[in-house]
ModelCIF file with pLDDT and N, C-alpha, C, O atoms, coordinates in Angstrom:
data_MODEL
#
_entry.id   MODEL 
#
_entity.id                         1 
_entity.type                       polymer 
_entity.pdbx_number_of_molecules   1 
#
_entity_poly.entity_id                      1 
_entity_poly.type                           'polypeptide(L)' 
_entity_poly.nstd_linkage                   no 
_entity_poly.nstd_monomer                   no 
_entity_poly.pdbx_seq_one_letter_code       NPVHKKIPVLLHHGKAISESLLILEYIDETWKDNPLMPEDPYNRAMAR 
_entity_poly.pdbx_seq_one_letter_code_can   NPVHKKIPVLLHHGKAISESLLILEYIDETWKDNPLMPEDPYNRAMAR 
_entity_poly.pdbx_strand_id                 A 
#
loop_
_entity_poly_seq.entity_id 
_entity_poly_seq.num 
_entity_poly_seq.mon_id 
_entity_poly_seq.hetero 
1 1  ASN n 
1 2  PRO n 
1 3  VAL n 
1 4  HIS n 
1 5  LYS n 
1 6  LYS n 
1 7  ILE n 
1 8  PRO n 
1 9  VAL n 
1 10 LEU n 
1 11 LEU n 
1 12 HIS n 
1 13 HIS n 
1 14 GLY n 
1 15 LYS n 
1 16 ALA n 
1 17 ILE n 
1 18 SER n 
1 19 GLU n 
1 20 SER n 
1 21 LEU n 
1 22 LEU n 
1 23 ILE n 
1 24 LEU n 
1 25 GLU n 
1 26 TYR n 
1 27 ILE n 
1 28 ASP n 
1 29 GLU n 
1 30 THR n 
1 31 TRP n 
1 32 LYS n 
1 33 ASP n 
1 34 ASN n 
1 35 PRO n 
1 36 LEU n 
1 37 MET n 
1 38 PRO n 
1 39 GLU n 
1 40 ASP n 
1 41 PRO n 
1 42 TYR n 
1 43 ASN n 
1 44 ARG n 
1 45 ALA n 
1 46 MET n 
1 47 ALA n 
1 48 ARG n 
#
_struct_asym.id          A 
_struct_asym.entity_id   1 
#
loop_
_ma_qa_metric.id 
_ma_qa_metric.mode 
_ma_qa_metric.name 
_ma_qa_metric.software_group_id 
_ma_qa_metric.type 
1 global pLDDT . pLDDT 
2 local  pLDDT . pLDDT 
#
_ma_qa_metric_global.metric_id      1 
_ma_qa_metric_global.metric_value   96.62 
_ma_qa_metric_global.model_id       1 
_ma_qa_metric_global.ordinal_id     1 
#
loop_
_ma_qa_metric_local.label_asym_id 
_ma_qa_metric_local.label_comp_id 
_ma_qa_metric_local.label_seq_id 
_ma_qa_metric_local.metric_id 
_ma_qa_metric_local.metric_value 
_ma_qa_metric_local.model_id 
_ma_qa_metric_local.ordinal_id 
A ASN 1  2 97.00 1 1  
A PRO 2  2 96.00 1 2  
A VAL 3  2 96.00 1 3  
A HIS 4  2 95.00 1 4  
A LYS 5  2 96.00 1 5  
A LYS 6  2 97.00 1 6  
A ILE 7  2 97.00 1 7  
A PRO 8  2 98.00 1 8  
A VAL 9  2 98.00 1 9  
A LEU 10 2 98.00 1 10 
A LEU 11 2 98.00 1 11 
A HIS 12 2 97.00 1 12 
A HIS 13 2 95.00 1 13 
A GLY 14 2 94.00 1 14 
A LYS 15 2 97.00 1 15 
A ALA 16 2 98.00 1 16 
A ILE 17 2 98.00 1 17 
A SER 18 2 97.00 1 18 
A GLU 19 2 97.00 1 19 
A SER 20 2 98.00 1 20 
A LEU 21 2 98.00 1 21 
A LEU 22 2 98.00 1 22 
A ILE 23 2 98.00 1 23 
A LEU 24 2 98.00 1 24 
A GLU 25 2 98.00 1 25 
A TYR 26 2 98.00 1 26 
A ILE 27 2 98.00 1 27 
A ASP 28 2 98.00 1 28 
A GLU 29 2 97.00 1 29 
A THR 30 2 97.00 1 30 
A TRP 31 2 97.00 1 31 
A LYS 32 2 95.00 1 32 
A ASP 33 2 93.00 1 33 
A ASN 34 2 93.00 1 34 
A PRO 35 2 96.00 1 35 
A LEU 36 2 97.00 1 36 
A MET 37 2 97.00 1 37 
A PRO 38 2 95.00 1 38 
A GLU 39 2 94.00 1 39 
A ASP 40 2 95.00 1 40 
A PRO 41 2 96.00 1 41 
A TYR 42 2 96.00 1 42 
A ASN 43 2 95.00 1 43 
A ARG 44 2 96.00 1 44 
A ALA 45 2 97.00 1 45 
A MET 46 2 96.00 1 46 
A ALA 47 2 97.00 1 47 
A ARG 48 2 98.00 1 48 
#
loop_
_atom_site.group_PDB 
_atom_site.id 
_atom_site.type_symbol 
_atom_site.label_atom_id 
_atom_site.label_alt_id 
_atom_site.label_comp_id 
_atom_site.label_asym_id 
_atom_site.label_entity_id 
_atom_site.label_seq_id 
_atom_site.pdbx_PDB_ins_code 
_atom_site.Cartn_x 
_atom_site.Cartn_y 
_atom_site.Cartn_z 
_atom_site.occupancy 
_atom_site.B_iso_or_equiv 
_atom_site.pdbx_formal_charge 
_atom_site.auth_seq_id 
_atom_site.auth_comp_id 
_atom_site.auth_asym_id 
_atom_site.auth_atom_id 
_atom_site.pdbx_PDB_model_num 
ATOM 1   N N  . ASN A 1 1  ? -11.801 -4.094 4.051  1.00 97.00 ? 1  ASN A N  1 
ATOM 2   C CA . ASN A 1 1  ? -10.474 -3.913 4.636  1.00 97.00 ? 1  ASN A CA 1 
ATOM 3   C C  . ASN A 1 1  ? -9.576  -5.071 4.210  1.00 97.00 ? 1  ASN A C  1 
ATOM 4   O O  . ASN A 1 1  ? -9.214  -5.910 5.035  1.00 97.00 ? 1  ASN A O  1 
ATOM 5   N N  . PRO A 1 2  ? -9.213  -5.124 2.921  1.00 96.00 ? 2  PRO A N  1 
ATOM 6   C CA . PRO A 1 2  ? -8.443  -6.263 2.406  1.00 96.00 ? 2  PRO A CA 1 
ATOM 7   C C  . PRO A 1 2  ? -7.004  -6.314 2.905  1.00 96.00 ? 2  PRO A C  1 
ATOM 8   O O  . PRO A 1 2  ? -6.362  -7.360 2.815  1.00 96.00 ? 2  PRO A O  1 
ATOM 9   N N  . VAL A 1 3  ? -6.486  -5.210 3.428  1.00 96.00 ? 3  VAL A N  1 
ATOM 10  C CA . VAL A 1 3  ? -5.095  -5.173 3.878  1.00 96.00 ? 3  VAL A CA 1 
ATOM 11  C C  . VAL A 1 3  ? -4.944  -5.850 5.237  1.00 96.00 ? 3  VAL A C  1 
ATOM 12  O O  . VAL A 1 3  ? -4.183  -6.807 5.374  1.00 96.00 ? 3  VAL A O  1 
ATOM 13  N N  . HIS A 1 4  ? -5.673  -5.350 6.249  1.00 95.00 ? 4  HIS A N  1 
ATOM 14  C CA . HIS A 1 4  ? -5.540  -5.883 7.604  1.00 95.00 ? 4  HIS A CA 1 
ATOM 15  C C  . HIS A 1 4  ? -6.651  -6.861 7.990  1.00 95.00 ? 4  HIS A C  1 
ATOM 16  O O  . HIS A 1 4  ? -6.502  -7.660 8.915  1.00 95.00 ? 4  HIS A O  1 
ATOM 17  N N  . LYS A 1 5  ? -7.771  -6.780 7.258  1.00 96.00 ? 5  LYS A N  1 
ATOM 18  C CA . LYS A 1 5  ? -8.896  -7.700 7.504  1.00 96.00 ? 5  LYS A CA 1 
ATOM 19  C C  . LYS A 1 5  ? -9.389  -7.613 8.949  1.00 96.00 ? 5  LYS A C  1 
ATOM 20  O O  . LYS A 1 5  ? -9.740  -8.625 9.555  1.00 96.00 ? 5  LYS A O  1 
ATOM 21  N N  . LYS A 1 6  ? -9.413  -6.394 9.492  1.00 97.00 ? 6  LYS A N  1 
ATOM 22  C CA . LYS A 1 6  ? -9.794  -6.190 10.881 1.00 97.00 ? 6  LYS A CA 1 
ATOM 23  C C  . LYS A 1 6  ? -10.928 -5.178 10.992 1.00 97.00 ? 6  LYS A C  1 
ATOM 24  O O  . LYS A 1 6  ? -11.163 -4.370 10.093 1.00 97.00 ? 6  LYS A O  1 
ATOM 25  N N  . ILE A 1 7  ? -11.622 -5.250 12.125 1.00 97.00 ? 7  ILE A N  1 
ATOM 26  C CA . ILE A 1 7  ? -12.596 -4.239 12.485 1.00 97.00 ? 7  ILE A CA 1 
ATOM 27  C C  . ILE A 1 7  ? -11.905 -3.198 13.364 1.00 97.00 ? 7  ILE A C  1 
ATOM 28  O O  . ILE A 1 7  ? -10.874 -3.467 13.981 1.00 97.00 ? 7  ILE A O  1 
ATOM 29  N N  . PRO A 1 8  ? -12.502 -1.998 13.406 1.00 98.00 ? 8  PRO A N  1 
ATOM 30  C CA . PRO A 1 8  ? -13.720 -1.549 12.742 1.00 98.00 ? 8  PRO A CA 1 
ATOM 31  C C  . PRO A 1 8  ? -13.427 -1.019 11.343 1.00 98.00 ? 8  PRO A C  1 
ATOM 32  O O  . PRO A 1 8  ? -12.291 -0.694 10.997 1.00 98.00 ? 8  PRO A O  1 
ATOM 33  N N  . VAL A 1 9  ? -14.481 -0.946 10.564 1.00 98.00 ? 9  VAL A N  1 
ATOM 34  C CA . VAL A 1 9  ? -14.434 -0.275 9.271  1.00 98.00 ? 9  VAL A CA 1 
ATOM 35  C C  . VAL A 1 9  ? -15.610 0.685  9.226  1.00 98.00 ? 9  VAL A C  1 
ATOM 36  O O  . VAL A 1 9  ? -16.739 0.306  9.538  1.00 98.00 ? 9  VAL A O  1 
ATOM 37  N N  . LEU A 1 10 ? -15.351 1.915  8.842  1.00 98.00 ? 10 LEU A N  1 
ATOM 38  C CA . LEU A 1 10 ? -16.411 2.891  8.623  1.00 98.00 ? 10 LEU A CA 1 
ATOM 39  C C  . LEU A 1 10 ? -16.702 2.950  7.137  1.00 98.00 ? 10 LEU A C  1 
ATOM 40  O O  . LEU A 1 10 ? -15.794 3.130  6.325  1.00 98.00 ? 10 LEU A O  1 
ATOM 41  N N  . LEU A 1 11 ? -17.973 2.799  6.780  1.00 98.00 ? 11 LEU A N  1 
ATOM 42  C CA . LEU A 1 11 ? -18.401 2.934  5.394  1.00 98.00 ? 11 LEU A CA 1 
ATOM 43  C C  . LEU A 1 11 ? -19.189 4.229  5.261  1.00 98.00 ? 11 LEU A C  1 
ATOM 44  O O  . LEU A 1 11 ? -20.231 4.400  5.894  1.00 98.00 ? 11 LEU A O  1 
ATOM 45  N N  . HIS A 1 12 ? -18.687 5.131  4.439  1.00 97.00 ? 12 HIS A N  1 
ATOM 46  C CA . HIS A 1 12 ? -19.344 6.421  4.228  1.00 97.00 ? 12 HIS A CA 1 
ATOM 47  C C  . HIS A 1 12 ? -19.593 6.602  2.737  1.00 97.00 ? 12 HIS A C  1 
ATOM 48  O O  . HIS A 1 12 ? -18.659 6.754  1.950  1.00 97.00 ? 12 HIS A O  1 
ATOM 49  N N  . HIS A 1 13 ? -20.868 6.584  2.364  1.00 95.00 ? 13 HIS A N  1 
ATOM 50  C CA . HIS A 1 13 ? -21.241 6.604  0.938  1.00 95.00 ? 13 HIS A CA 1 
ATOM 51  C C  . HIS A 1 13 ? -20.531 5.481  0.169  1.00 95.00 ? 13 HIS A C  1 
ATOM 52  O O  . HIS A 1 13 ? -20.133 5.657  -0.982 1.00 95.00 ? 13 HIS A O  1 
ATOM 53  N N  . GLY A 1 14 ? -20.381 4.324  0.828  1.00 94.00 ? 14 GLY A N  1 
ATOM 54  C CA . GLY A 1 14 ? -19.780 3.171  0.184  1.00 94.00 ? 14 GLY A CA 1 
ATOM 55  C C  . GLY A 1 14 ? -18.259 3.135  0.217  1.00 94.00 ? 14 GLY A C  1 
ATOM 56  O O  . GLY A 1 14 ? -17.657 2.128  -0.157 1.00 94.00 ? 14 GLY A O  1 
ATOM 57  N N  . LYS A 1 15 ? -17.635 4.213  0.658  1.00 97.00 ? 15 LYS A N  1 
ATOM 58  C CA . LYS A 1 15 ? -16.177 4.247  0.754  1.00 97.00 ? 15 LYS A CA 1 
ATOM 59  C C  . LYS A 1 15 ? -15.743 3.760  2.129  1.00 97.00 ? 15 LYS A C  1 
ATOM 60  O O  . LYS A 1 15 ? -16.317 4.152  3.145  1.00 97.00 ? 15 LYS A O  1 
ATOM 61  N N  . ALA A 1 16 ? -14.727 2.903  2.154  1.00 98.00 ? 16 ALA A N  1 
ATOM 62  C CA . ALA A 1 16 ? -14.299 2.269  3.401  1.00 98.00 ? 16 ALA A CA 1 
ATOM 63  C C  . ALA A 1 16 ? -13.089 2.972  4.011  1.00 98.00 ? 16 ALA A C  1 
ATOM 64  O O  . ALA A 1 16 ? -12.120 3.284  3.317  1.00 98.00 ? 16 ALA A O  1 
ATOM 65  N N  . ILE A 1 17 ? -13.162 3.216  5.318  1.00 98.00 ? 17 ILE A N  1 
ATOM 66  C CA . ILE A 1 17 ? -12.045 3.757  6.080  1.00 98.00 ? 17 ILE A CA 1 
ATOM 67  C C  . ILE A 1 17 ? -11.791 2.802  7.230  1.00 98.00 ? 17 ILE A C  1 
ATOM 68  O O  . ILE A 1 17 ? -12.718 2.456  7.963  1.00 98.00 ? 17 ILE A O  1 
ATOM 69  N N  . SER A 1 18 ? -10.547 2.370  7.399  1.00 97.00 ? 18 SER A N  1 
ATOM 70  C CA . SER A 1 18 ? -10.207 1.432  8.473  1.00 97.00 ? 18 SER A CA 1 
ATOM 71  C C  . SER A 1 18 ? -9.199  2.058  9.434  1.00 97.00 ? 18 SER A C  1 
ATOM 72  O O  . SER A 1 18 ? -8.685  3.148  9.187  1.00 97.00 ? 18 SER A O  1 
ATOM 73  N N  . GLU A 1 19 ? -8.924  1.357  10.529 1.00 97.00 ? 19 GLU A N  1 
ATOM 74  C CA . GLU A 1 19 ? -8.059  1.798  11.620 1.00 97.00 ? 19 GLU A CA 1 
ATOM 75  C C  . GLU A 1 19 ? -8.790  2.855  12.447 1.00 97.00 ? 19 GLU A C  1 
ATOM 76  O O  . GLU A 1 19 ? -9.057  3.959  11.971 1.00 97.00 ? 19 GLU A O  1 
ATOM 77  N N  . SER A 1 20 ? -9.106  2.500  13.684 1.00 98.00 ? 20 SER A N  1 
ATOM 78  C CA . SER A 1 20 ? -10.015 3.317  14.490 1.00 98.00 ? 20 SER A CA 1 
ATOM 79  C C  . SER A 1 20 ? -9.531  4.746  14.719 1.00 98.00 ? 20 SER A C  1 
ATOM 80  O O  . SER A 1 20 ? -10.339 5.674  14.681 1.00 98.00 ? 20 SER A O  1 
ATOM 81  N N  . LEU A 1 21 ? -8.244  4.946  14.953 1.00 98.00 ? 21 LEU A N  1 
ATOM 82  C CA . LEU A 1 21 ? -7.765  6.301  15.186 1.00 98.00 ? 21 LEU A CA 1 
ATOM 83  C C  . LEU A 1 21 ? -7.874  7.157  13.924 1.00 98.00 ? 21 LEU A C  1 
ATOM 84  O O  . LEU A 1 21 ? -8.173  8.349  14.000 1.00 98.00 ? 21 LEU A O  1 
ATOM 85  N N  . LEU A 1 22 ? -7.633  6.547  12.774 1.00 98.00 ? 22 LEU A N  1 
ATOM 86  C CA . LEU A 1 22 ? -7.807  7.268  11.516 1.00 98.00 ? 22 LEU A CA 1 
ATOM 87  C C  . LEU A 1 22 ? -9.286  7.566  11.269 1.00 98.00 ? 22 LEU A C  1 
ATOM 88  O O  . LEU A 1 22 ? -9.636  8.622  10.741 1.00 98.00 ? 22 LEU A O  1 
ATOM 89  N N  . ILE A 1 23 ? -10.140 6.635  11.652 1.00 98.00 ? 23 ILE A N  1 
ATOM 90  C CA . ILE A 1 23 ? -11.580 6.846  11.504 1.00 98.00 ? 23 ILE A CA 1 
ATOM 91  C C  . ILE A 1 23 ? -12.037 8.026  12.360 1.00 98.00 ? 23 ILE A C  1 
ATOM 92  O O  . ILE A 1 23 ? -12.850 8.838  11.919 1.00 98.00 ? 23 ILE A O  1 
ATOM 93  N N  . LEU A 1 24 ? -11.514 8.119  13.582 1.00 98.00 ? 24 LEU A N  1 
ATOM 94  C CA . LEU A 1 24 ? -11.875 9.247  14.440 1.00 98.00 ? 24 LEU A CA 1 
ATOM 95  C C  . LEU A 1 24 ? -11.524 10.575 13.775 1.00 98.00 ? 24 LEU A C  1 
ATOM 96  O O  . LEU A 1 24 ? -12.315 11.519 13.813 1.00 98.00 ? 24 LEU A O  1 
ATOM 97  N N  . GLU A 1 25 ? -10.357 10.649 13.176 1.00 98.00 ? 25 GLU A N  1 
ATOM 98  C CA . GLU A 1 25 ? -9.962  11.888 12.498 1.00 98.00 ? 25 GLU A CA 1 
ATOM 99  C C  . GLU A 1 25 ? -10.834 12.151 11.279 1.00 98.00 ? 25 GLU A C  1 
ATOM 100 O O  . GLU A 1 25 ? -11.205 13.293 11.008 1.00 98.00 ? 25 GLU A O  1 
ATOM 101 N N  . TYR A 1 26 ? -11.157 11.101 10.550 1.00 98.00 ? 26 TYR A N  1 
ATOM 102 C CA . TYR A 1 26 ? -12.023 11.261 9.378  1.00 98.00 ? 26 TYR A CA 1 
ATOM 103 C C  . TYR A 1 26 ? -13.392 11.808 9.792  1.00 98.00 ? 26 TYR A C  1 
ATOM 104 O O  . TYR A 1 26 ? -13.927 12.722 9.163  1.00 98.00 ? 26 TYR A O  1 
ATOM 105 N N  . ILE A 1 27 ? -13.942 11.234 10.853 1.00 98.00 ? 27 ILE A N  1 
ATOM 106 C CA . ILE A 1 27 ? -15.240 11.691 11.351 1.00 98.00 ? 27 ILE A CA 1 
ATOM 107 C C  . ILE A 1 27 ? -15.170 13.162 11.747 1.00 98.00 ? 27 ILE A C  1 
ATOM 108 O O  . ILE A 1 27 ? -16.072 13.941 11.440 1.00 98.00 ? 27 ILE A O  1 
ATOM 109 N N  . ASP A 1 28 ? -14.098 13.529 12.425 1.00 98.00 ? 28 ASP A N  1 
ATOM 110 C CA . ASP A 1 28 ? -13.969 14.906 12.903 1.00 98.00 ? 28 ASP A CA 1 
ATOM 111 C C  . ASP A 1 28 ? -13.815 15.891 11.753 1.00 98.00 ? 28 ASP A C  1 
ATOM 112 O O  . ASP A 1 28 ? -14.322 17.010 11.824 1.00 98.00 ? 28 ASP A O  1 
ATOM 113 N N  . GLU A 1 29 ? -13.120 15.486 10.696 1.00 97.00 ? 29 GLU A N  1 
ATOM 114 C CA . GLU A 1 29 ? -12.917 16.370 9.555  1.00 97.00 ? 29 GLU A CA 1 
ATOM 115 C C  . GLU A 1 29 ? -14.139 16.433 8.646  1.00 97.00 ? 29 GLU A C  1 
ATOM 116 O O  . GLU A 1 29 ? -14.351 17.426 7.950  1.00 97.00 ? 29 GLU A O  1 
ATOM 117 N N  . THR A 1 30 ? -14.938 15.377 8.652  1.00 97.00 ? 30 THR A N  1 
ATOM 118 C CA . THR A 1 30 ? -16.114 15.326 7.783  1.00 97.00 ? 30 THR A CA 1 
ATOM 119 C C  . THR A 1 30 ? -17.302 16.058 8.384  1.00 97.00 ? 30 THR A C  1 
ATOM 120 O O  . THR A 1 30 ? -18.031 16.758 7.680  1.00 97.00 ? 30 THR A O  1 
ATOM 121 N N  . TRP A 1 31 ? -17.495 15.895 9.692  1.00 97.00 ? 31 TRP A N  1 
ATOM 122 C CA . TRP A 1 31 ? -18.610 16.541 10.389 1.00 97.00 ? 31 TRP A CA 1 
ATOM 123 C C  . TRP A 1 31 ? -18.016 17.510 11.407 1.00 97.00 ? 31 TRP A C  1 
ATOM 124 O O  . TRP A 1 31 ? -17.451 17.091 12.417 1.00 97.00 ? 31 TRP A O  1 
ATOM 125 N N  . LYS A 1 32 ? -18.148 18.798 11.134 1.00 95.00 ? 32 LYS A N  1 
ATOM 126 C CA . LYS A 1 32 ? -17.422 19.823 11.885 1.00 95.00 ? 32 LYS A CA 1 
ATOM 127 C C  . LYS A 1 32 ? -17.999 20.131 13.265 1.00 95.00 ? 32 LYS A C  1 
ATOM 128 O O  . LYS A 1 32 ? -17.280 20.617 14.138 1.00 95.00 ? 32 LYS A O  1 
ATOM 129 N N  . ASP A 1 33 ? -19.297 19.855 13.475 1.00 93.00 ? 33 ASP A N  1 
ATOM 130 C CA . ASP A 1 33 ? -19.899 20.166 14.763 1.00 93.00 ? 33 ASP A CA 1 
ATOM 131 C C  . ASP A 1 33 ? -19.267 19.334 15.881 1.00 93.00 ? 33 ASP A C  1 
ATOM 132 O O  . ASP A 1 33 ? -18.834 18.204 15.656 1.00 93.00 ? 33 ASP A O  1 
ATOM 133 N N  . ASN A 1 34 ? -19.221 19.898 17.070 1.00 93.00 ? 34 ASN A N  1 
ATOM 134 C CA . ASN A 1 34 ? -18.659 19.206 18.239 1.00 93.00 ? 34 ASN A CA 1 
ATOM 135 C C  . ASN A 1 34 ? -17.265 18.649 17.926 1.00 93.00 ? 34 ASN A C  1 
ATOM 136 O O  . ASN A 1 34 ? -17.061 17.436 17.956 1.00 93.00 ? 34 ASN A O  1 
ATOM 137 N N  . PRO A 1 35 ? -16.314 19.529 17.628 1.00 96.00 ? 35 PRO A N  1 
ATOM 138 C CA . PRO A 1 35 ? -14.964 19.066 17.235 1.00 96.00 ? 35 PRO A CA 1 
ATOM 139 C C  . PRO A 1 35 ? -14.307 18.200 18.299 1.00 96.00 ? 35 PRO A C  1 
ATOM 140 O O  . PRO A 1 35 ? -14.468 18.424 19.498 1.00 96.00 ? 35 PRO A O  1 
ATOM 141 N N  . LEU A 1 36 ? -13.567 17.211 17.832 1.00 97.00 ? 36 LEU A N  1 
ATOM 142 C CA . LEU A 1 36 ? -12.867 16.281 18.711 1.00 97.00 ? 36 LEU A CA 1 
ATOM 143 C C  . LEU A 1 36 ? -11.390 16.626 18.843 1.00 97.00 ? 36 LEU A C  1 
ATOM 144 O O  . LEU A 1 36 ? -10.825 16.522 19.932 1.00 97.00 ? 36 LEU A O  1 
ATOM 145 N N  . MET A 1 37 ? -10.768 17.031 17.760 1.00 97.00 ? 37 MET A N  1 
ATOM 146 C CA . MET A 1 37 ? -9.341  17.342 17.775 1.00 97.00 ? 37 MET A CA 1 
ATOM 147 C C  . MET A 1 37 ? -9.115  18.775 18.238 1.00 97.00 ? 37 MET A C  1 
ATOM 148 O O  . MET A 1 37 ? -9.939  19.647 17.959 1.00 97.00 ? 37 MET A O  1 
ATOM 149 N N  . PRO A 1 38 ? -8.012  19.037 18.941 1.00 95.00 ? 38 PRO A N  1 
ATOM 150 C CA . PRO A 1 38 ? -7.685  20.412 19.341 1.00 95.00 ? 38 PRO A CA 1 
ATOM 151 C C  . PRO A 1 38 ? -7.447  21.294 18.113 1.00 95.00 ? 38 PRO A C  1 
ATOM 152 O O  . PRO A 1 38 ? -7.050  20.808 17.054 1.00 95.00 ? 38 PRO A O  1 
ATOM 153 N N  . GLU A 1 39 ? -7.690  22.580 18.269 1.00 94.00 ? 39 GLU A N  1 
ATOM 154 C CA . GLU A 1 39 ? -7.445  23.511 17.169 1.00 94.00 ? 39 GLU A CA 1 
ATOM 155 C C  . GLU A 1 39 ? -5.956  23.763 16.971 1.00 94.00 ? 39 GLU A C  1 
ATOM 156 O O  . GLU A 1 39 ? -5.482  23.846 15.838 1.00 94.00 ? 39 GLU A O  1 
ATOM 157 N N  . ASP A 1 40 ? -5.233  23.881 18.054 1.00 95.00 ? 40 ASP A N  1 
ATOM 158 C CA . ASP A 1 40 ? -3.815  24.197 17.983 1.00 95.00 ? 40 ASP A CA 1 
ATOM 159 C C  . ASP A 1 40 ? -3.021  23.037 17.379 1.00 95.00 ? 40 ASP A C  1 
ATOM 160 O O  . ASP A 1 40 ? -3.186  21.899 17.819 1.00 95.00 ? 40 ASP A O  1 
ATOM 161 N N  . PRO A 1 41 ? -2.159  23.292 16.380 1.00 96.00 ? 41 PRO A N  1 
ATOM 162 C CA . PRO A 1 41 ? -1.399  22.217 15.718 1.00 96.00 ? 41 PRO A CA 1 
ATOM 163 C C  . PRO A 1 41 ? -0.534  21.405 16.678 1.00 96.00 ? 41 PRO A C  1 
ATOM 164 O O  . PRO A 1 41 ? -0.439  20.185 16.547 1.00 96.00 ? 41 PRO A O  1 
ATOM 165 N N  . TYR A 1 42 ? 0.097   22.076 17.641 1.00 96.00 ? 42 TYR A N  1 
ATOM 166 C CA . TYR A 1 42 ? 0.920   21.346 18.601 1.00 96.00 ? 42 TYR A CA 1 
ATOM 167 C C  . TYR A 1 42 ? 0.063   20.409 19.438 1.00 96.00 ? 42 TYR A C  1 
ATOM 168 O O  . TYR A 1 42 ? 0.426   19.249 19.638 1.00 96.00 ? 42 TYR A O  1 
ATOM 169 N N  . ASN A 1 43 ? -1.066  20.897 19.927 1.00 95.00 ? 43 ASN A N  1 
ATOM 170 C CA . ASN A 1 43 ? -1.948  20.064 20.739 1.00 95.00 ? 43 ASN A CA 1 
ATOM 171 C C  . ASN A 1 43 ? -2.519  18.899 19.933 1.00 95.00 ? 43 ASN A C  1 
ATOM 172 O O  . ASN A 1 43 ? -2.724  17.813 20.475 1.00 95.00 ? 43 ASN A O  1 
ATOM 173 N N  . ARG A 1 44 ? -2.775  19.117 18.647 1.00 96.00 ? 44 ARG A N  1 
ATOM 174 C CA . ARG A 1 44 ? -3.238  18.019 17.784 1.00 96.00 ? 44 ARG A CA 1 
ATOM 175 C C  . ARG A 1 44 ? -2.158  16.954 17.662 1.00 96.00 ? 44 ARG A C  1 
ATOM 176 O O  . ARG A 1 44 ? -2.436  15.757 17.743 1.00 96.00 ? 44 ARG A O  1 
ATOM 177 N N  . ALA A 1 45 ? -0.919  17.407 17.466 1.00 97.00 ? 45 ALA A N  1 
ATOM 178 C CA . ALA A 1 45 ? 0.189   16.457 17.343 1.00 97.00 ? 45 ALA A CA 1 
ATOM 179 C C  . ALA A 1 45 ? 0.357   15.658 18.631 1.00 97.00 ? 45 ALA A C  1 
ATOM 180 O O  . ALA A 1 45 ? 0.600   14.452 18.586 1.00 97.00 ? 45 ALA A O  1 
ATOM 181 N N  . MET A 1 46 ? 0.228   16.322 19.778 1.00 96.00 ? 46 MET A N  1 
ATOM 182 C CA . MET A 1 46 ? 0.369   15.631 21.054 1.00 96.00 ? 46 MET A CA 1 
ATOM 183 C C  . MET A 1 46 ? -0.781  14.641 21.279 1.00 96.00 ? 46 MET A C  1 
ATOM 184 O O  . MET A 1 46 ? -0.573  13.564 21.836 1.00 96.00 ? 46 MET A O  1 
ATOM 185 N N  . ALA A 1 47 ? -1.980  15.005 20.849 1.00 97.00 ? 47 ALA A N  1 
ATOM 186 C CA . ALA A 1 47 ? -3.116  14.087 20.971 1.00 97.00 ? 47 ALA A CA 1 
ATOM 187 C C  . ALA A 1 47 ? -2.877  12.835 20.142 1.00 97.00 ? 47 ALA A C  1 
ATOM 188 O O  . ALA A 1 47 ? -3.173  11.727 20.591 1.00 97.00 ? 47 ALA A O  1 
ATOM 189 N N  . ARG A 1 48 ? -2.346  13.000 18.941 1.00 98.00 ? 48 ARG A N  1 
ATOM 190 C CA . ARG A 1 48 ? -2.034  11.847 18.091 1.00 98.00 ? 48 ARG A CA 1 
ATOM 191 C C  . ARG A 1 48 ? -0.926  10.999 18.711 1.00 98.00 ? 48 ARG A C  1 
ATOM 192 O O  . ARG A 1 48 ? -0.530  9.985  18.137 1.00 98.00 ? 48 ARG A O  1 
#
């Protein structure tokens, strides 16, 4: 995380993802079981 130099960082197959809220979305999009984000686009926007 050379930009912000902060935790947390998720490493997936050696690729780094930083910023916890972005990591949550990455996890949800990568592993589809037990979805975290709402299906409805409006509800997703409100959650963000």
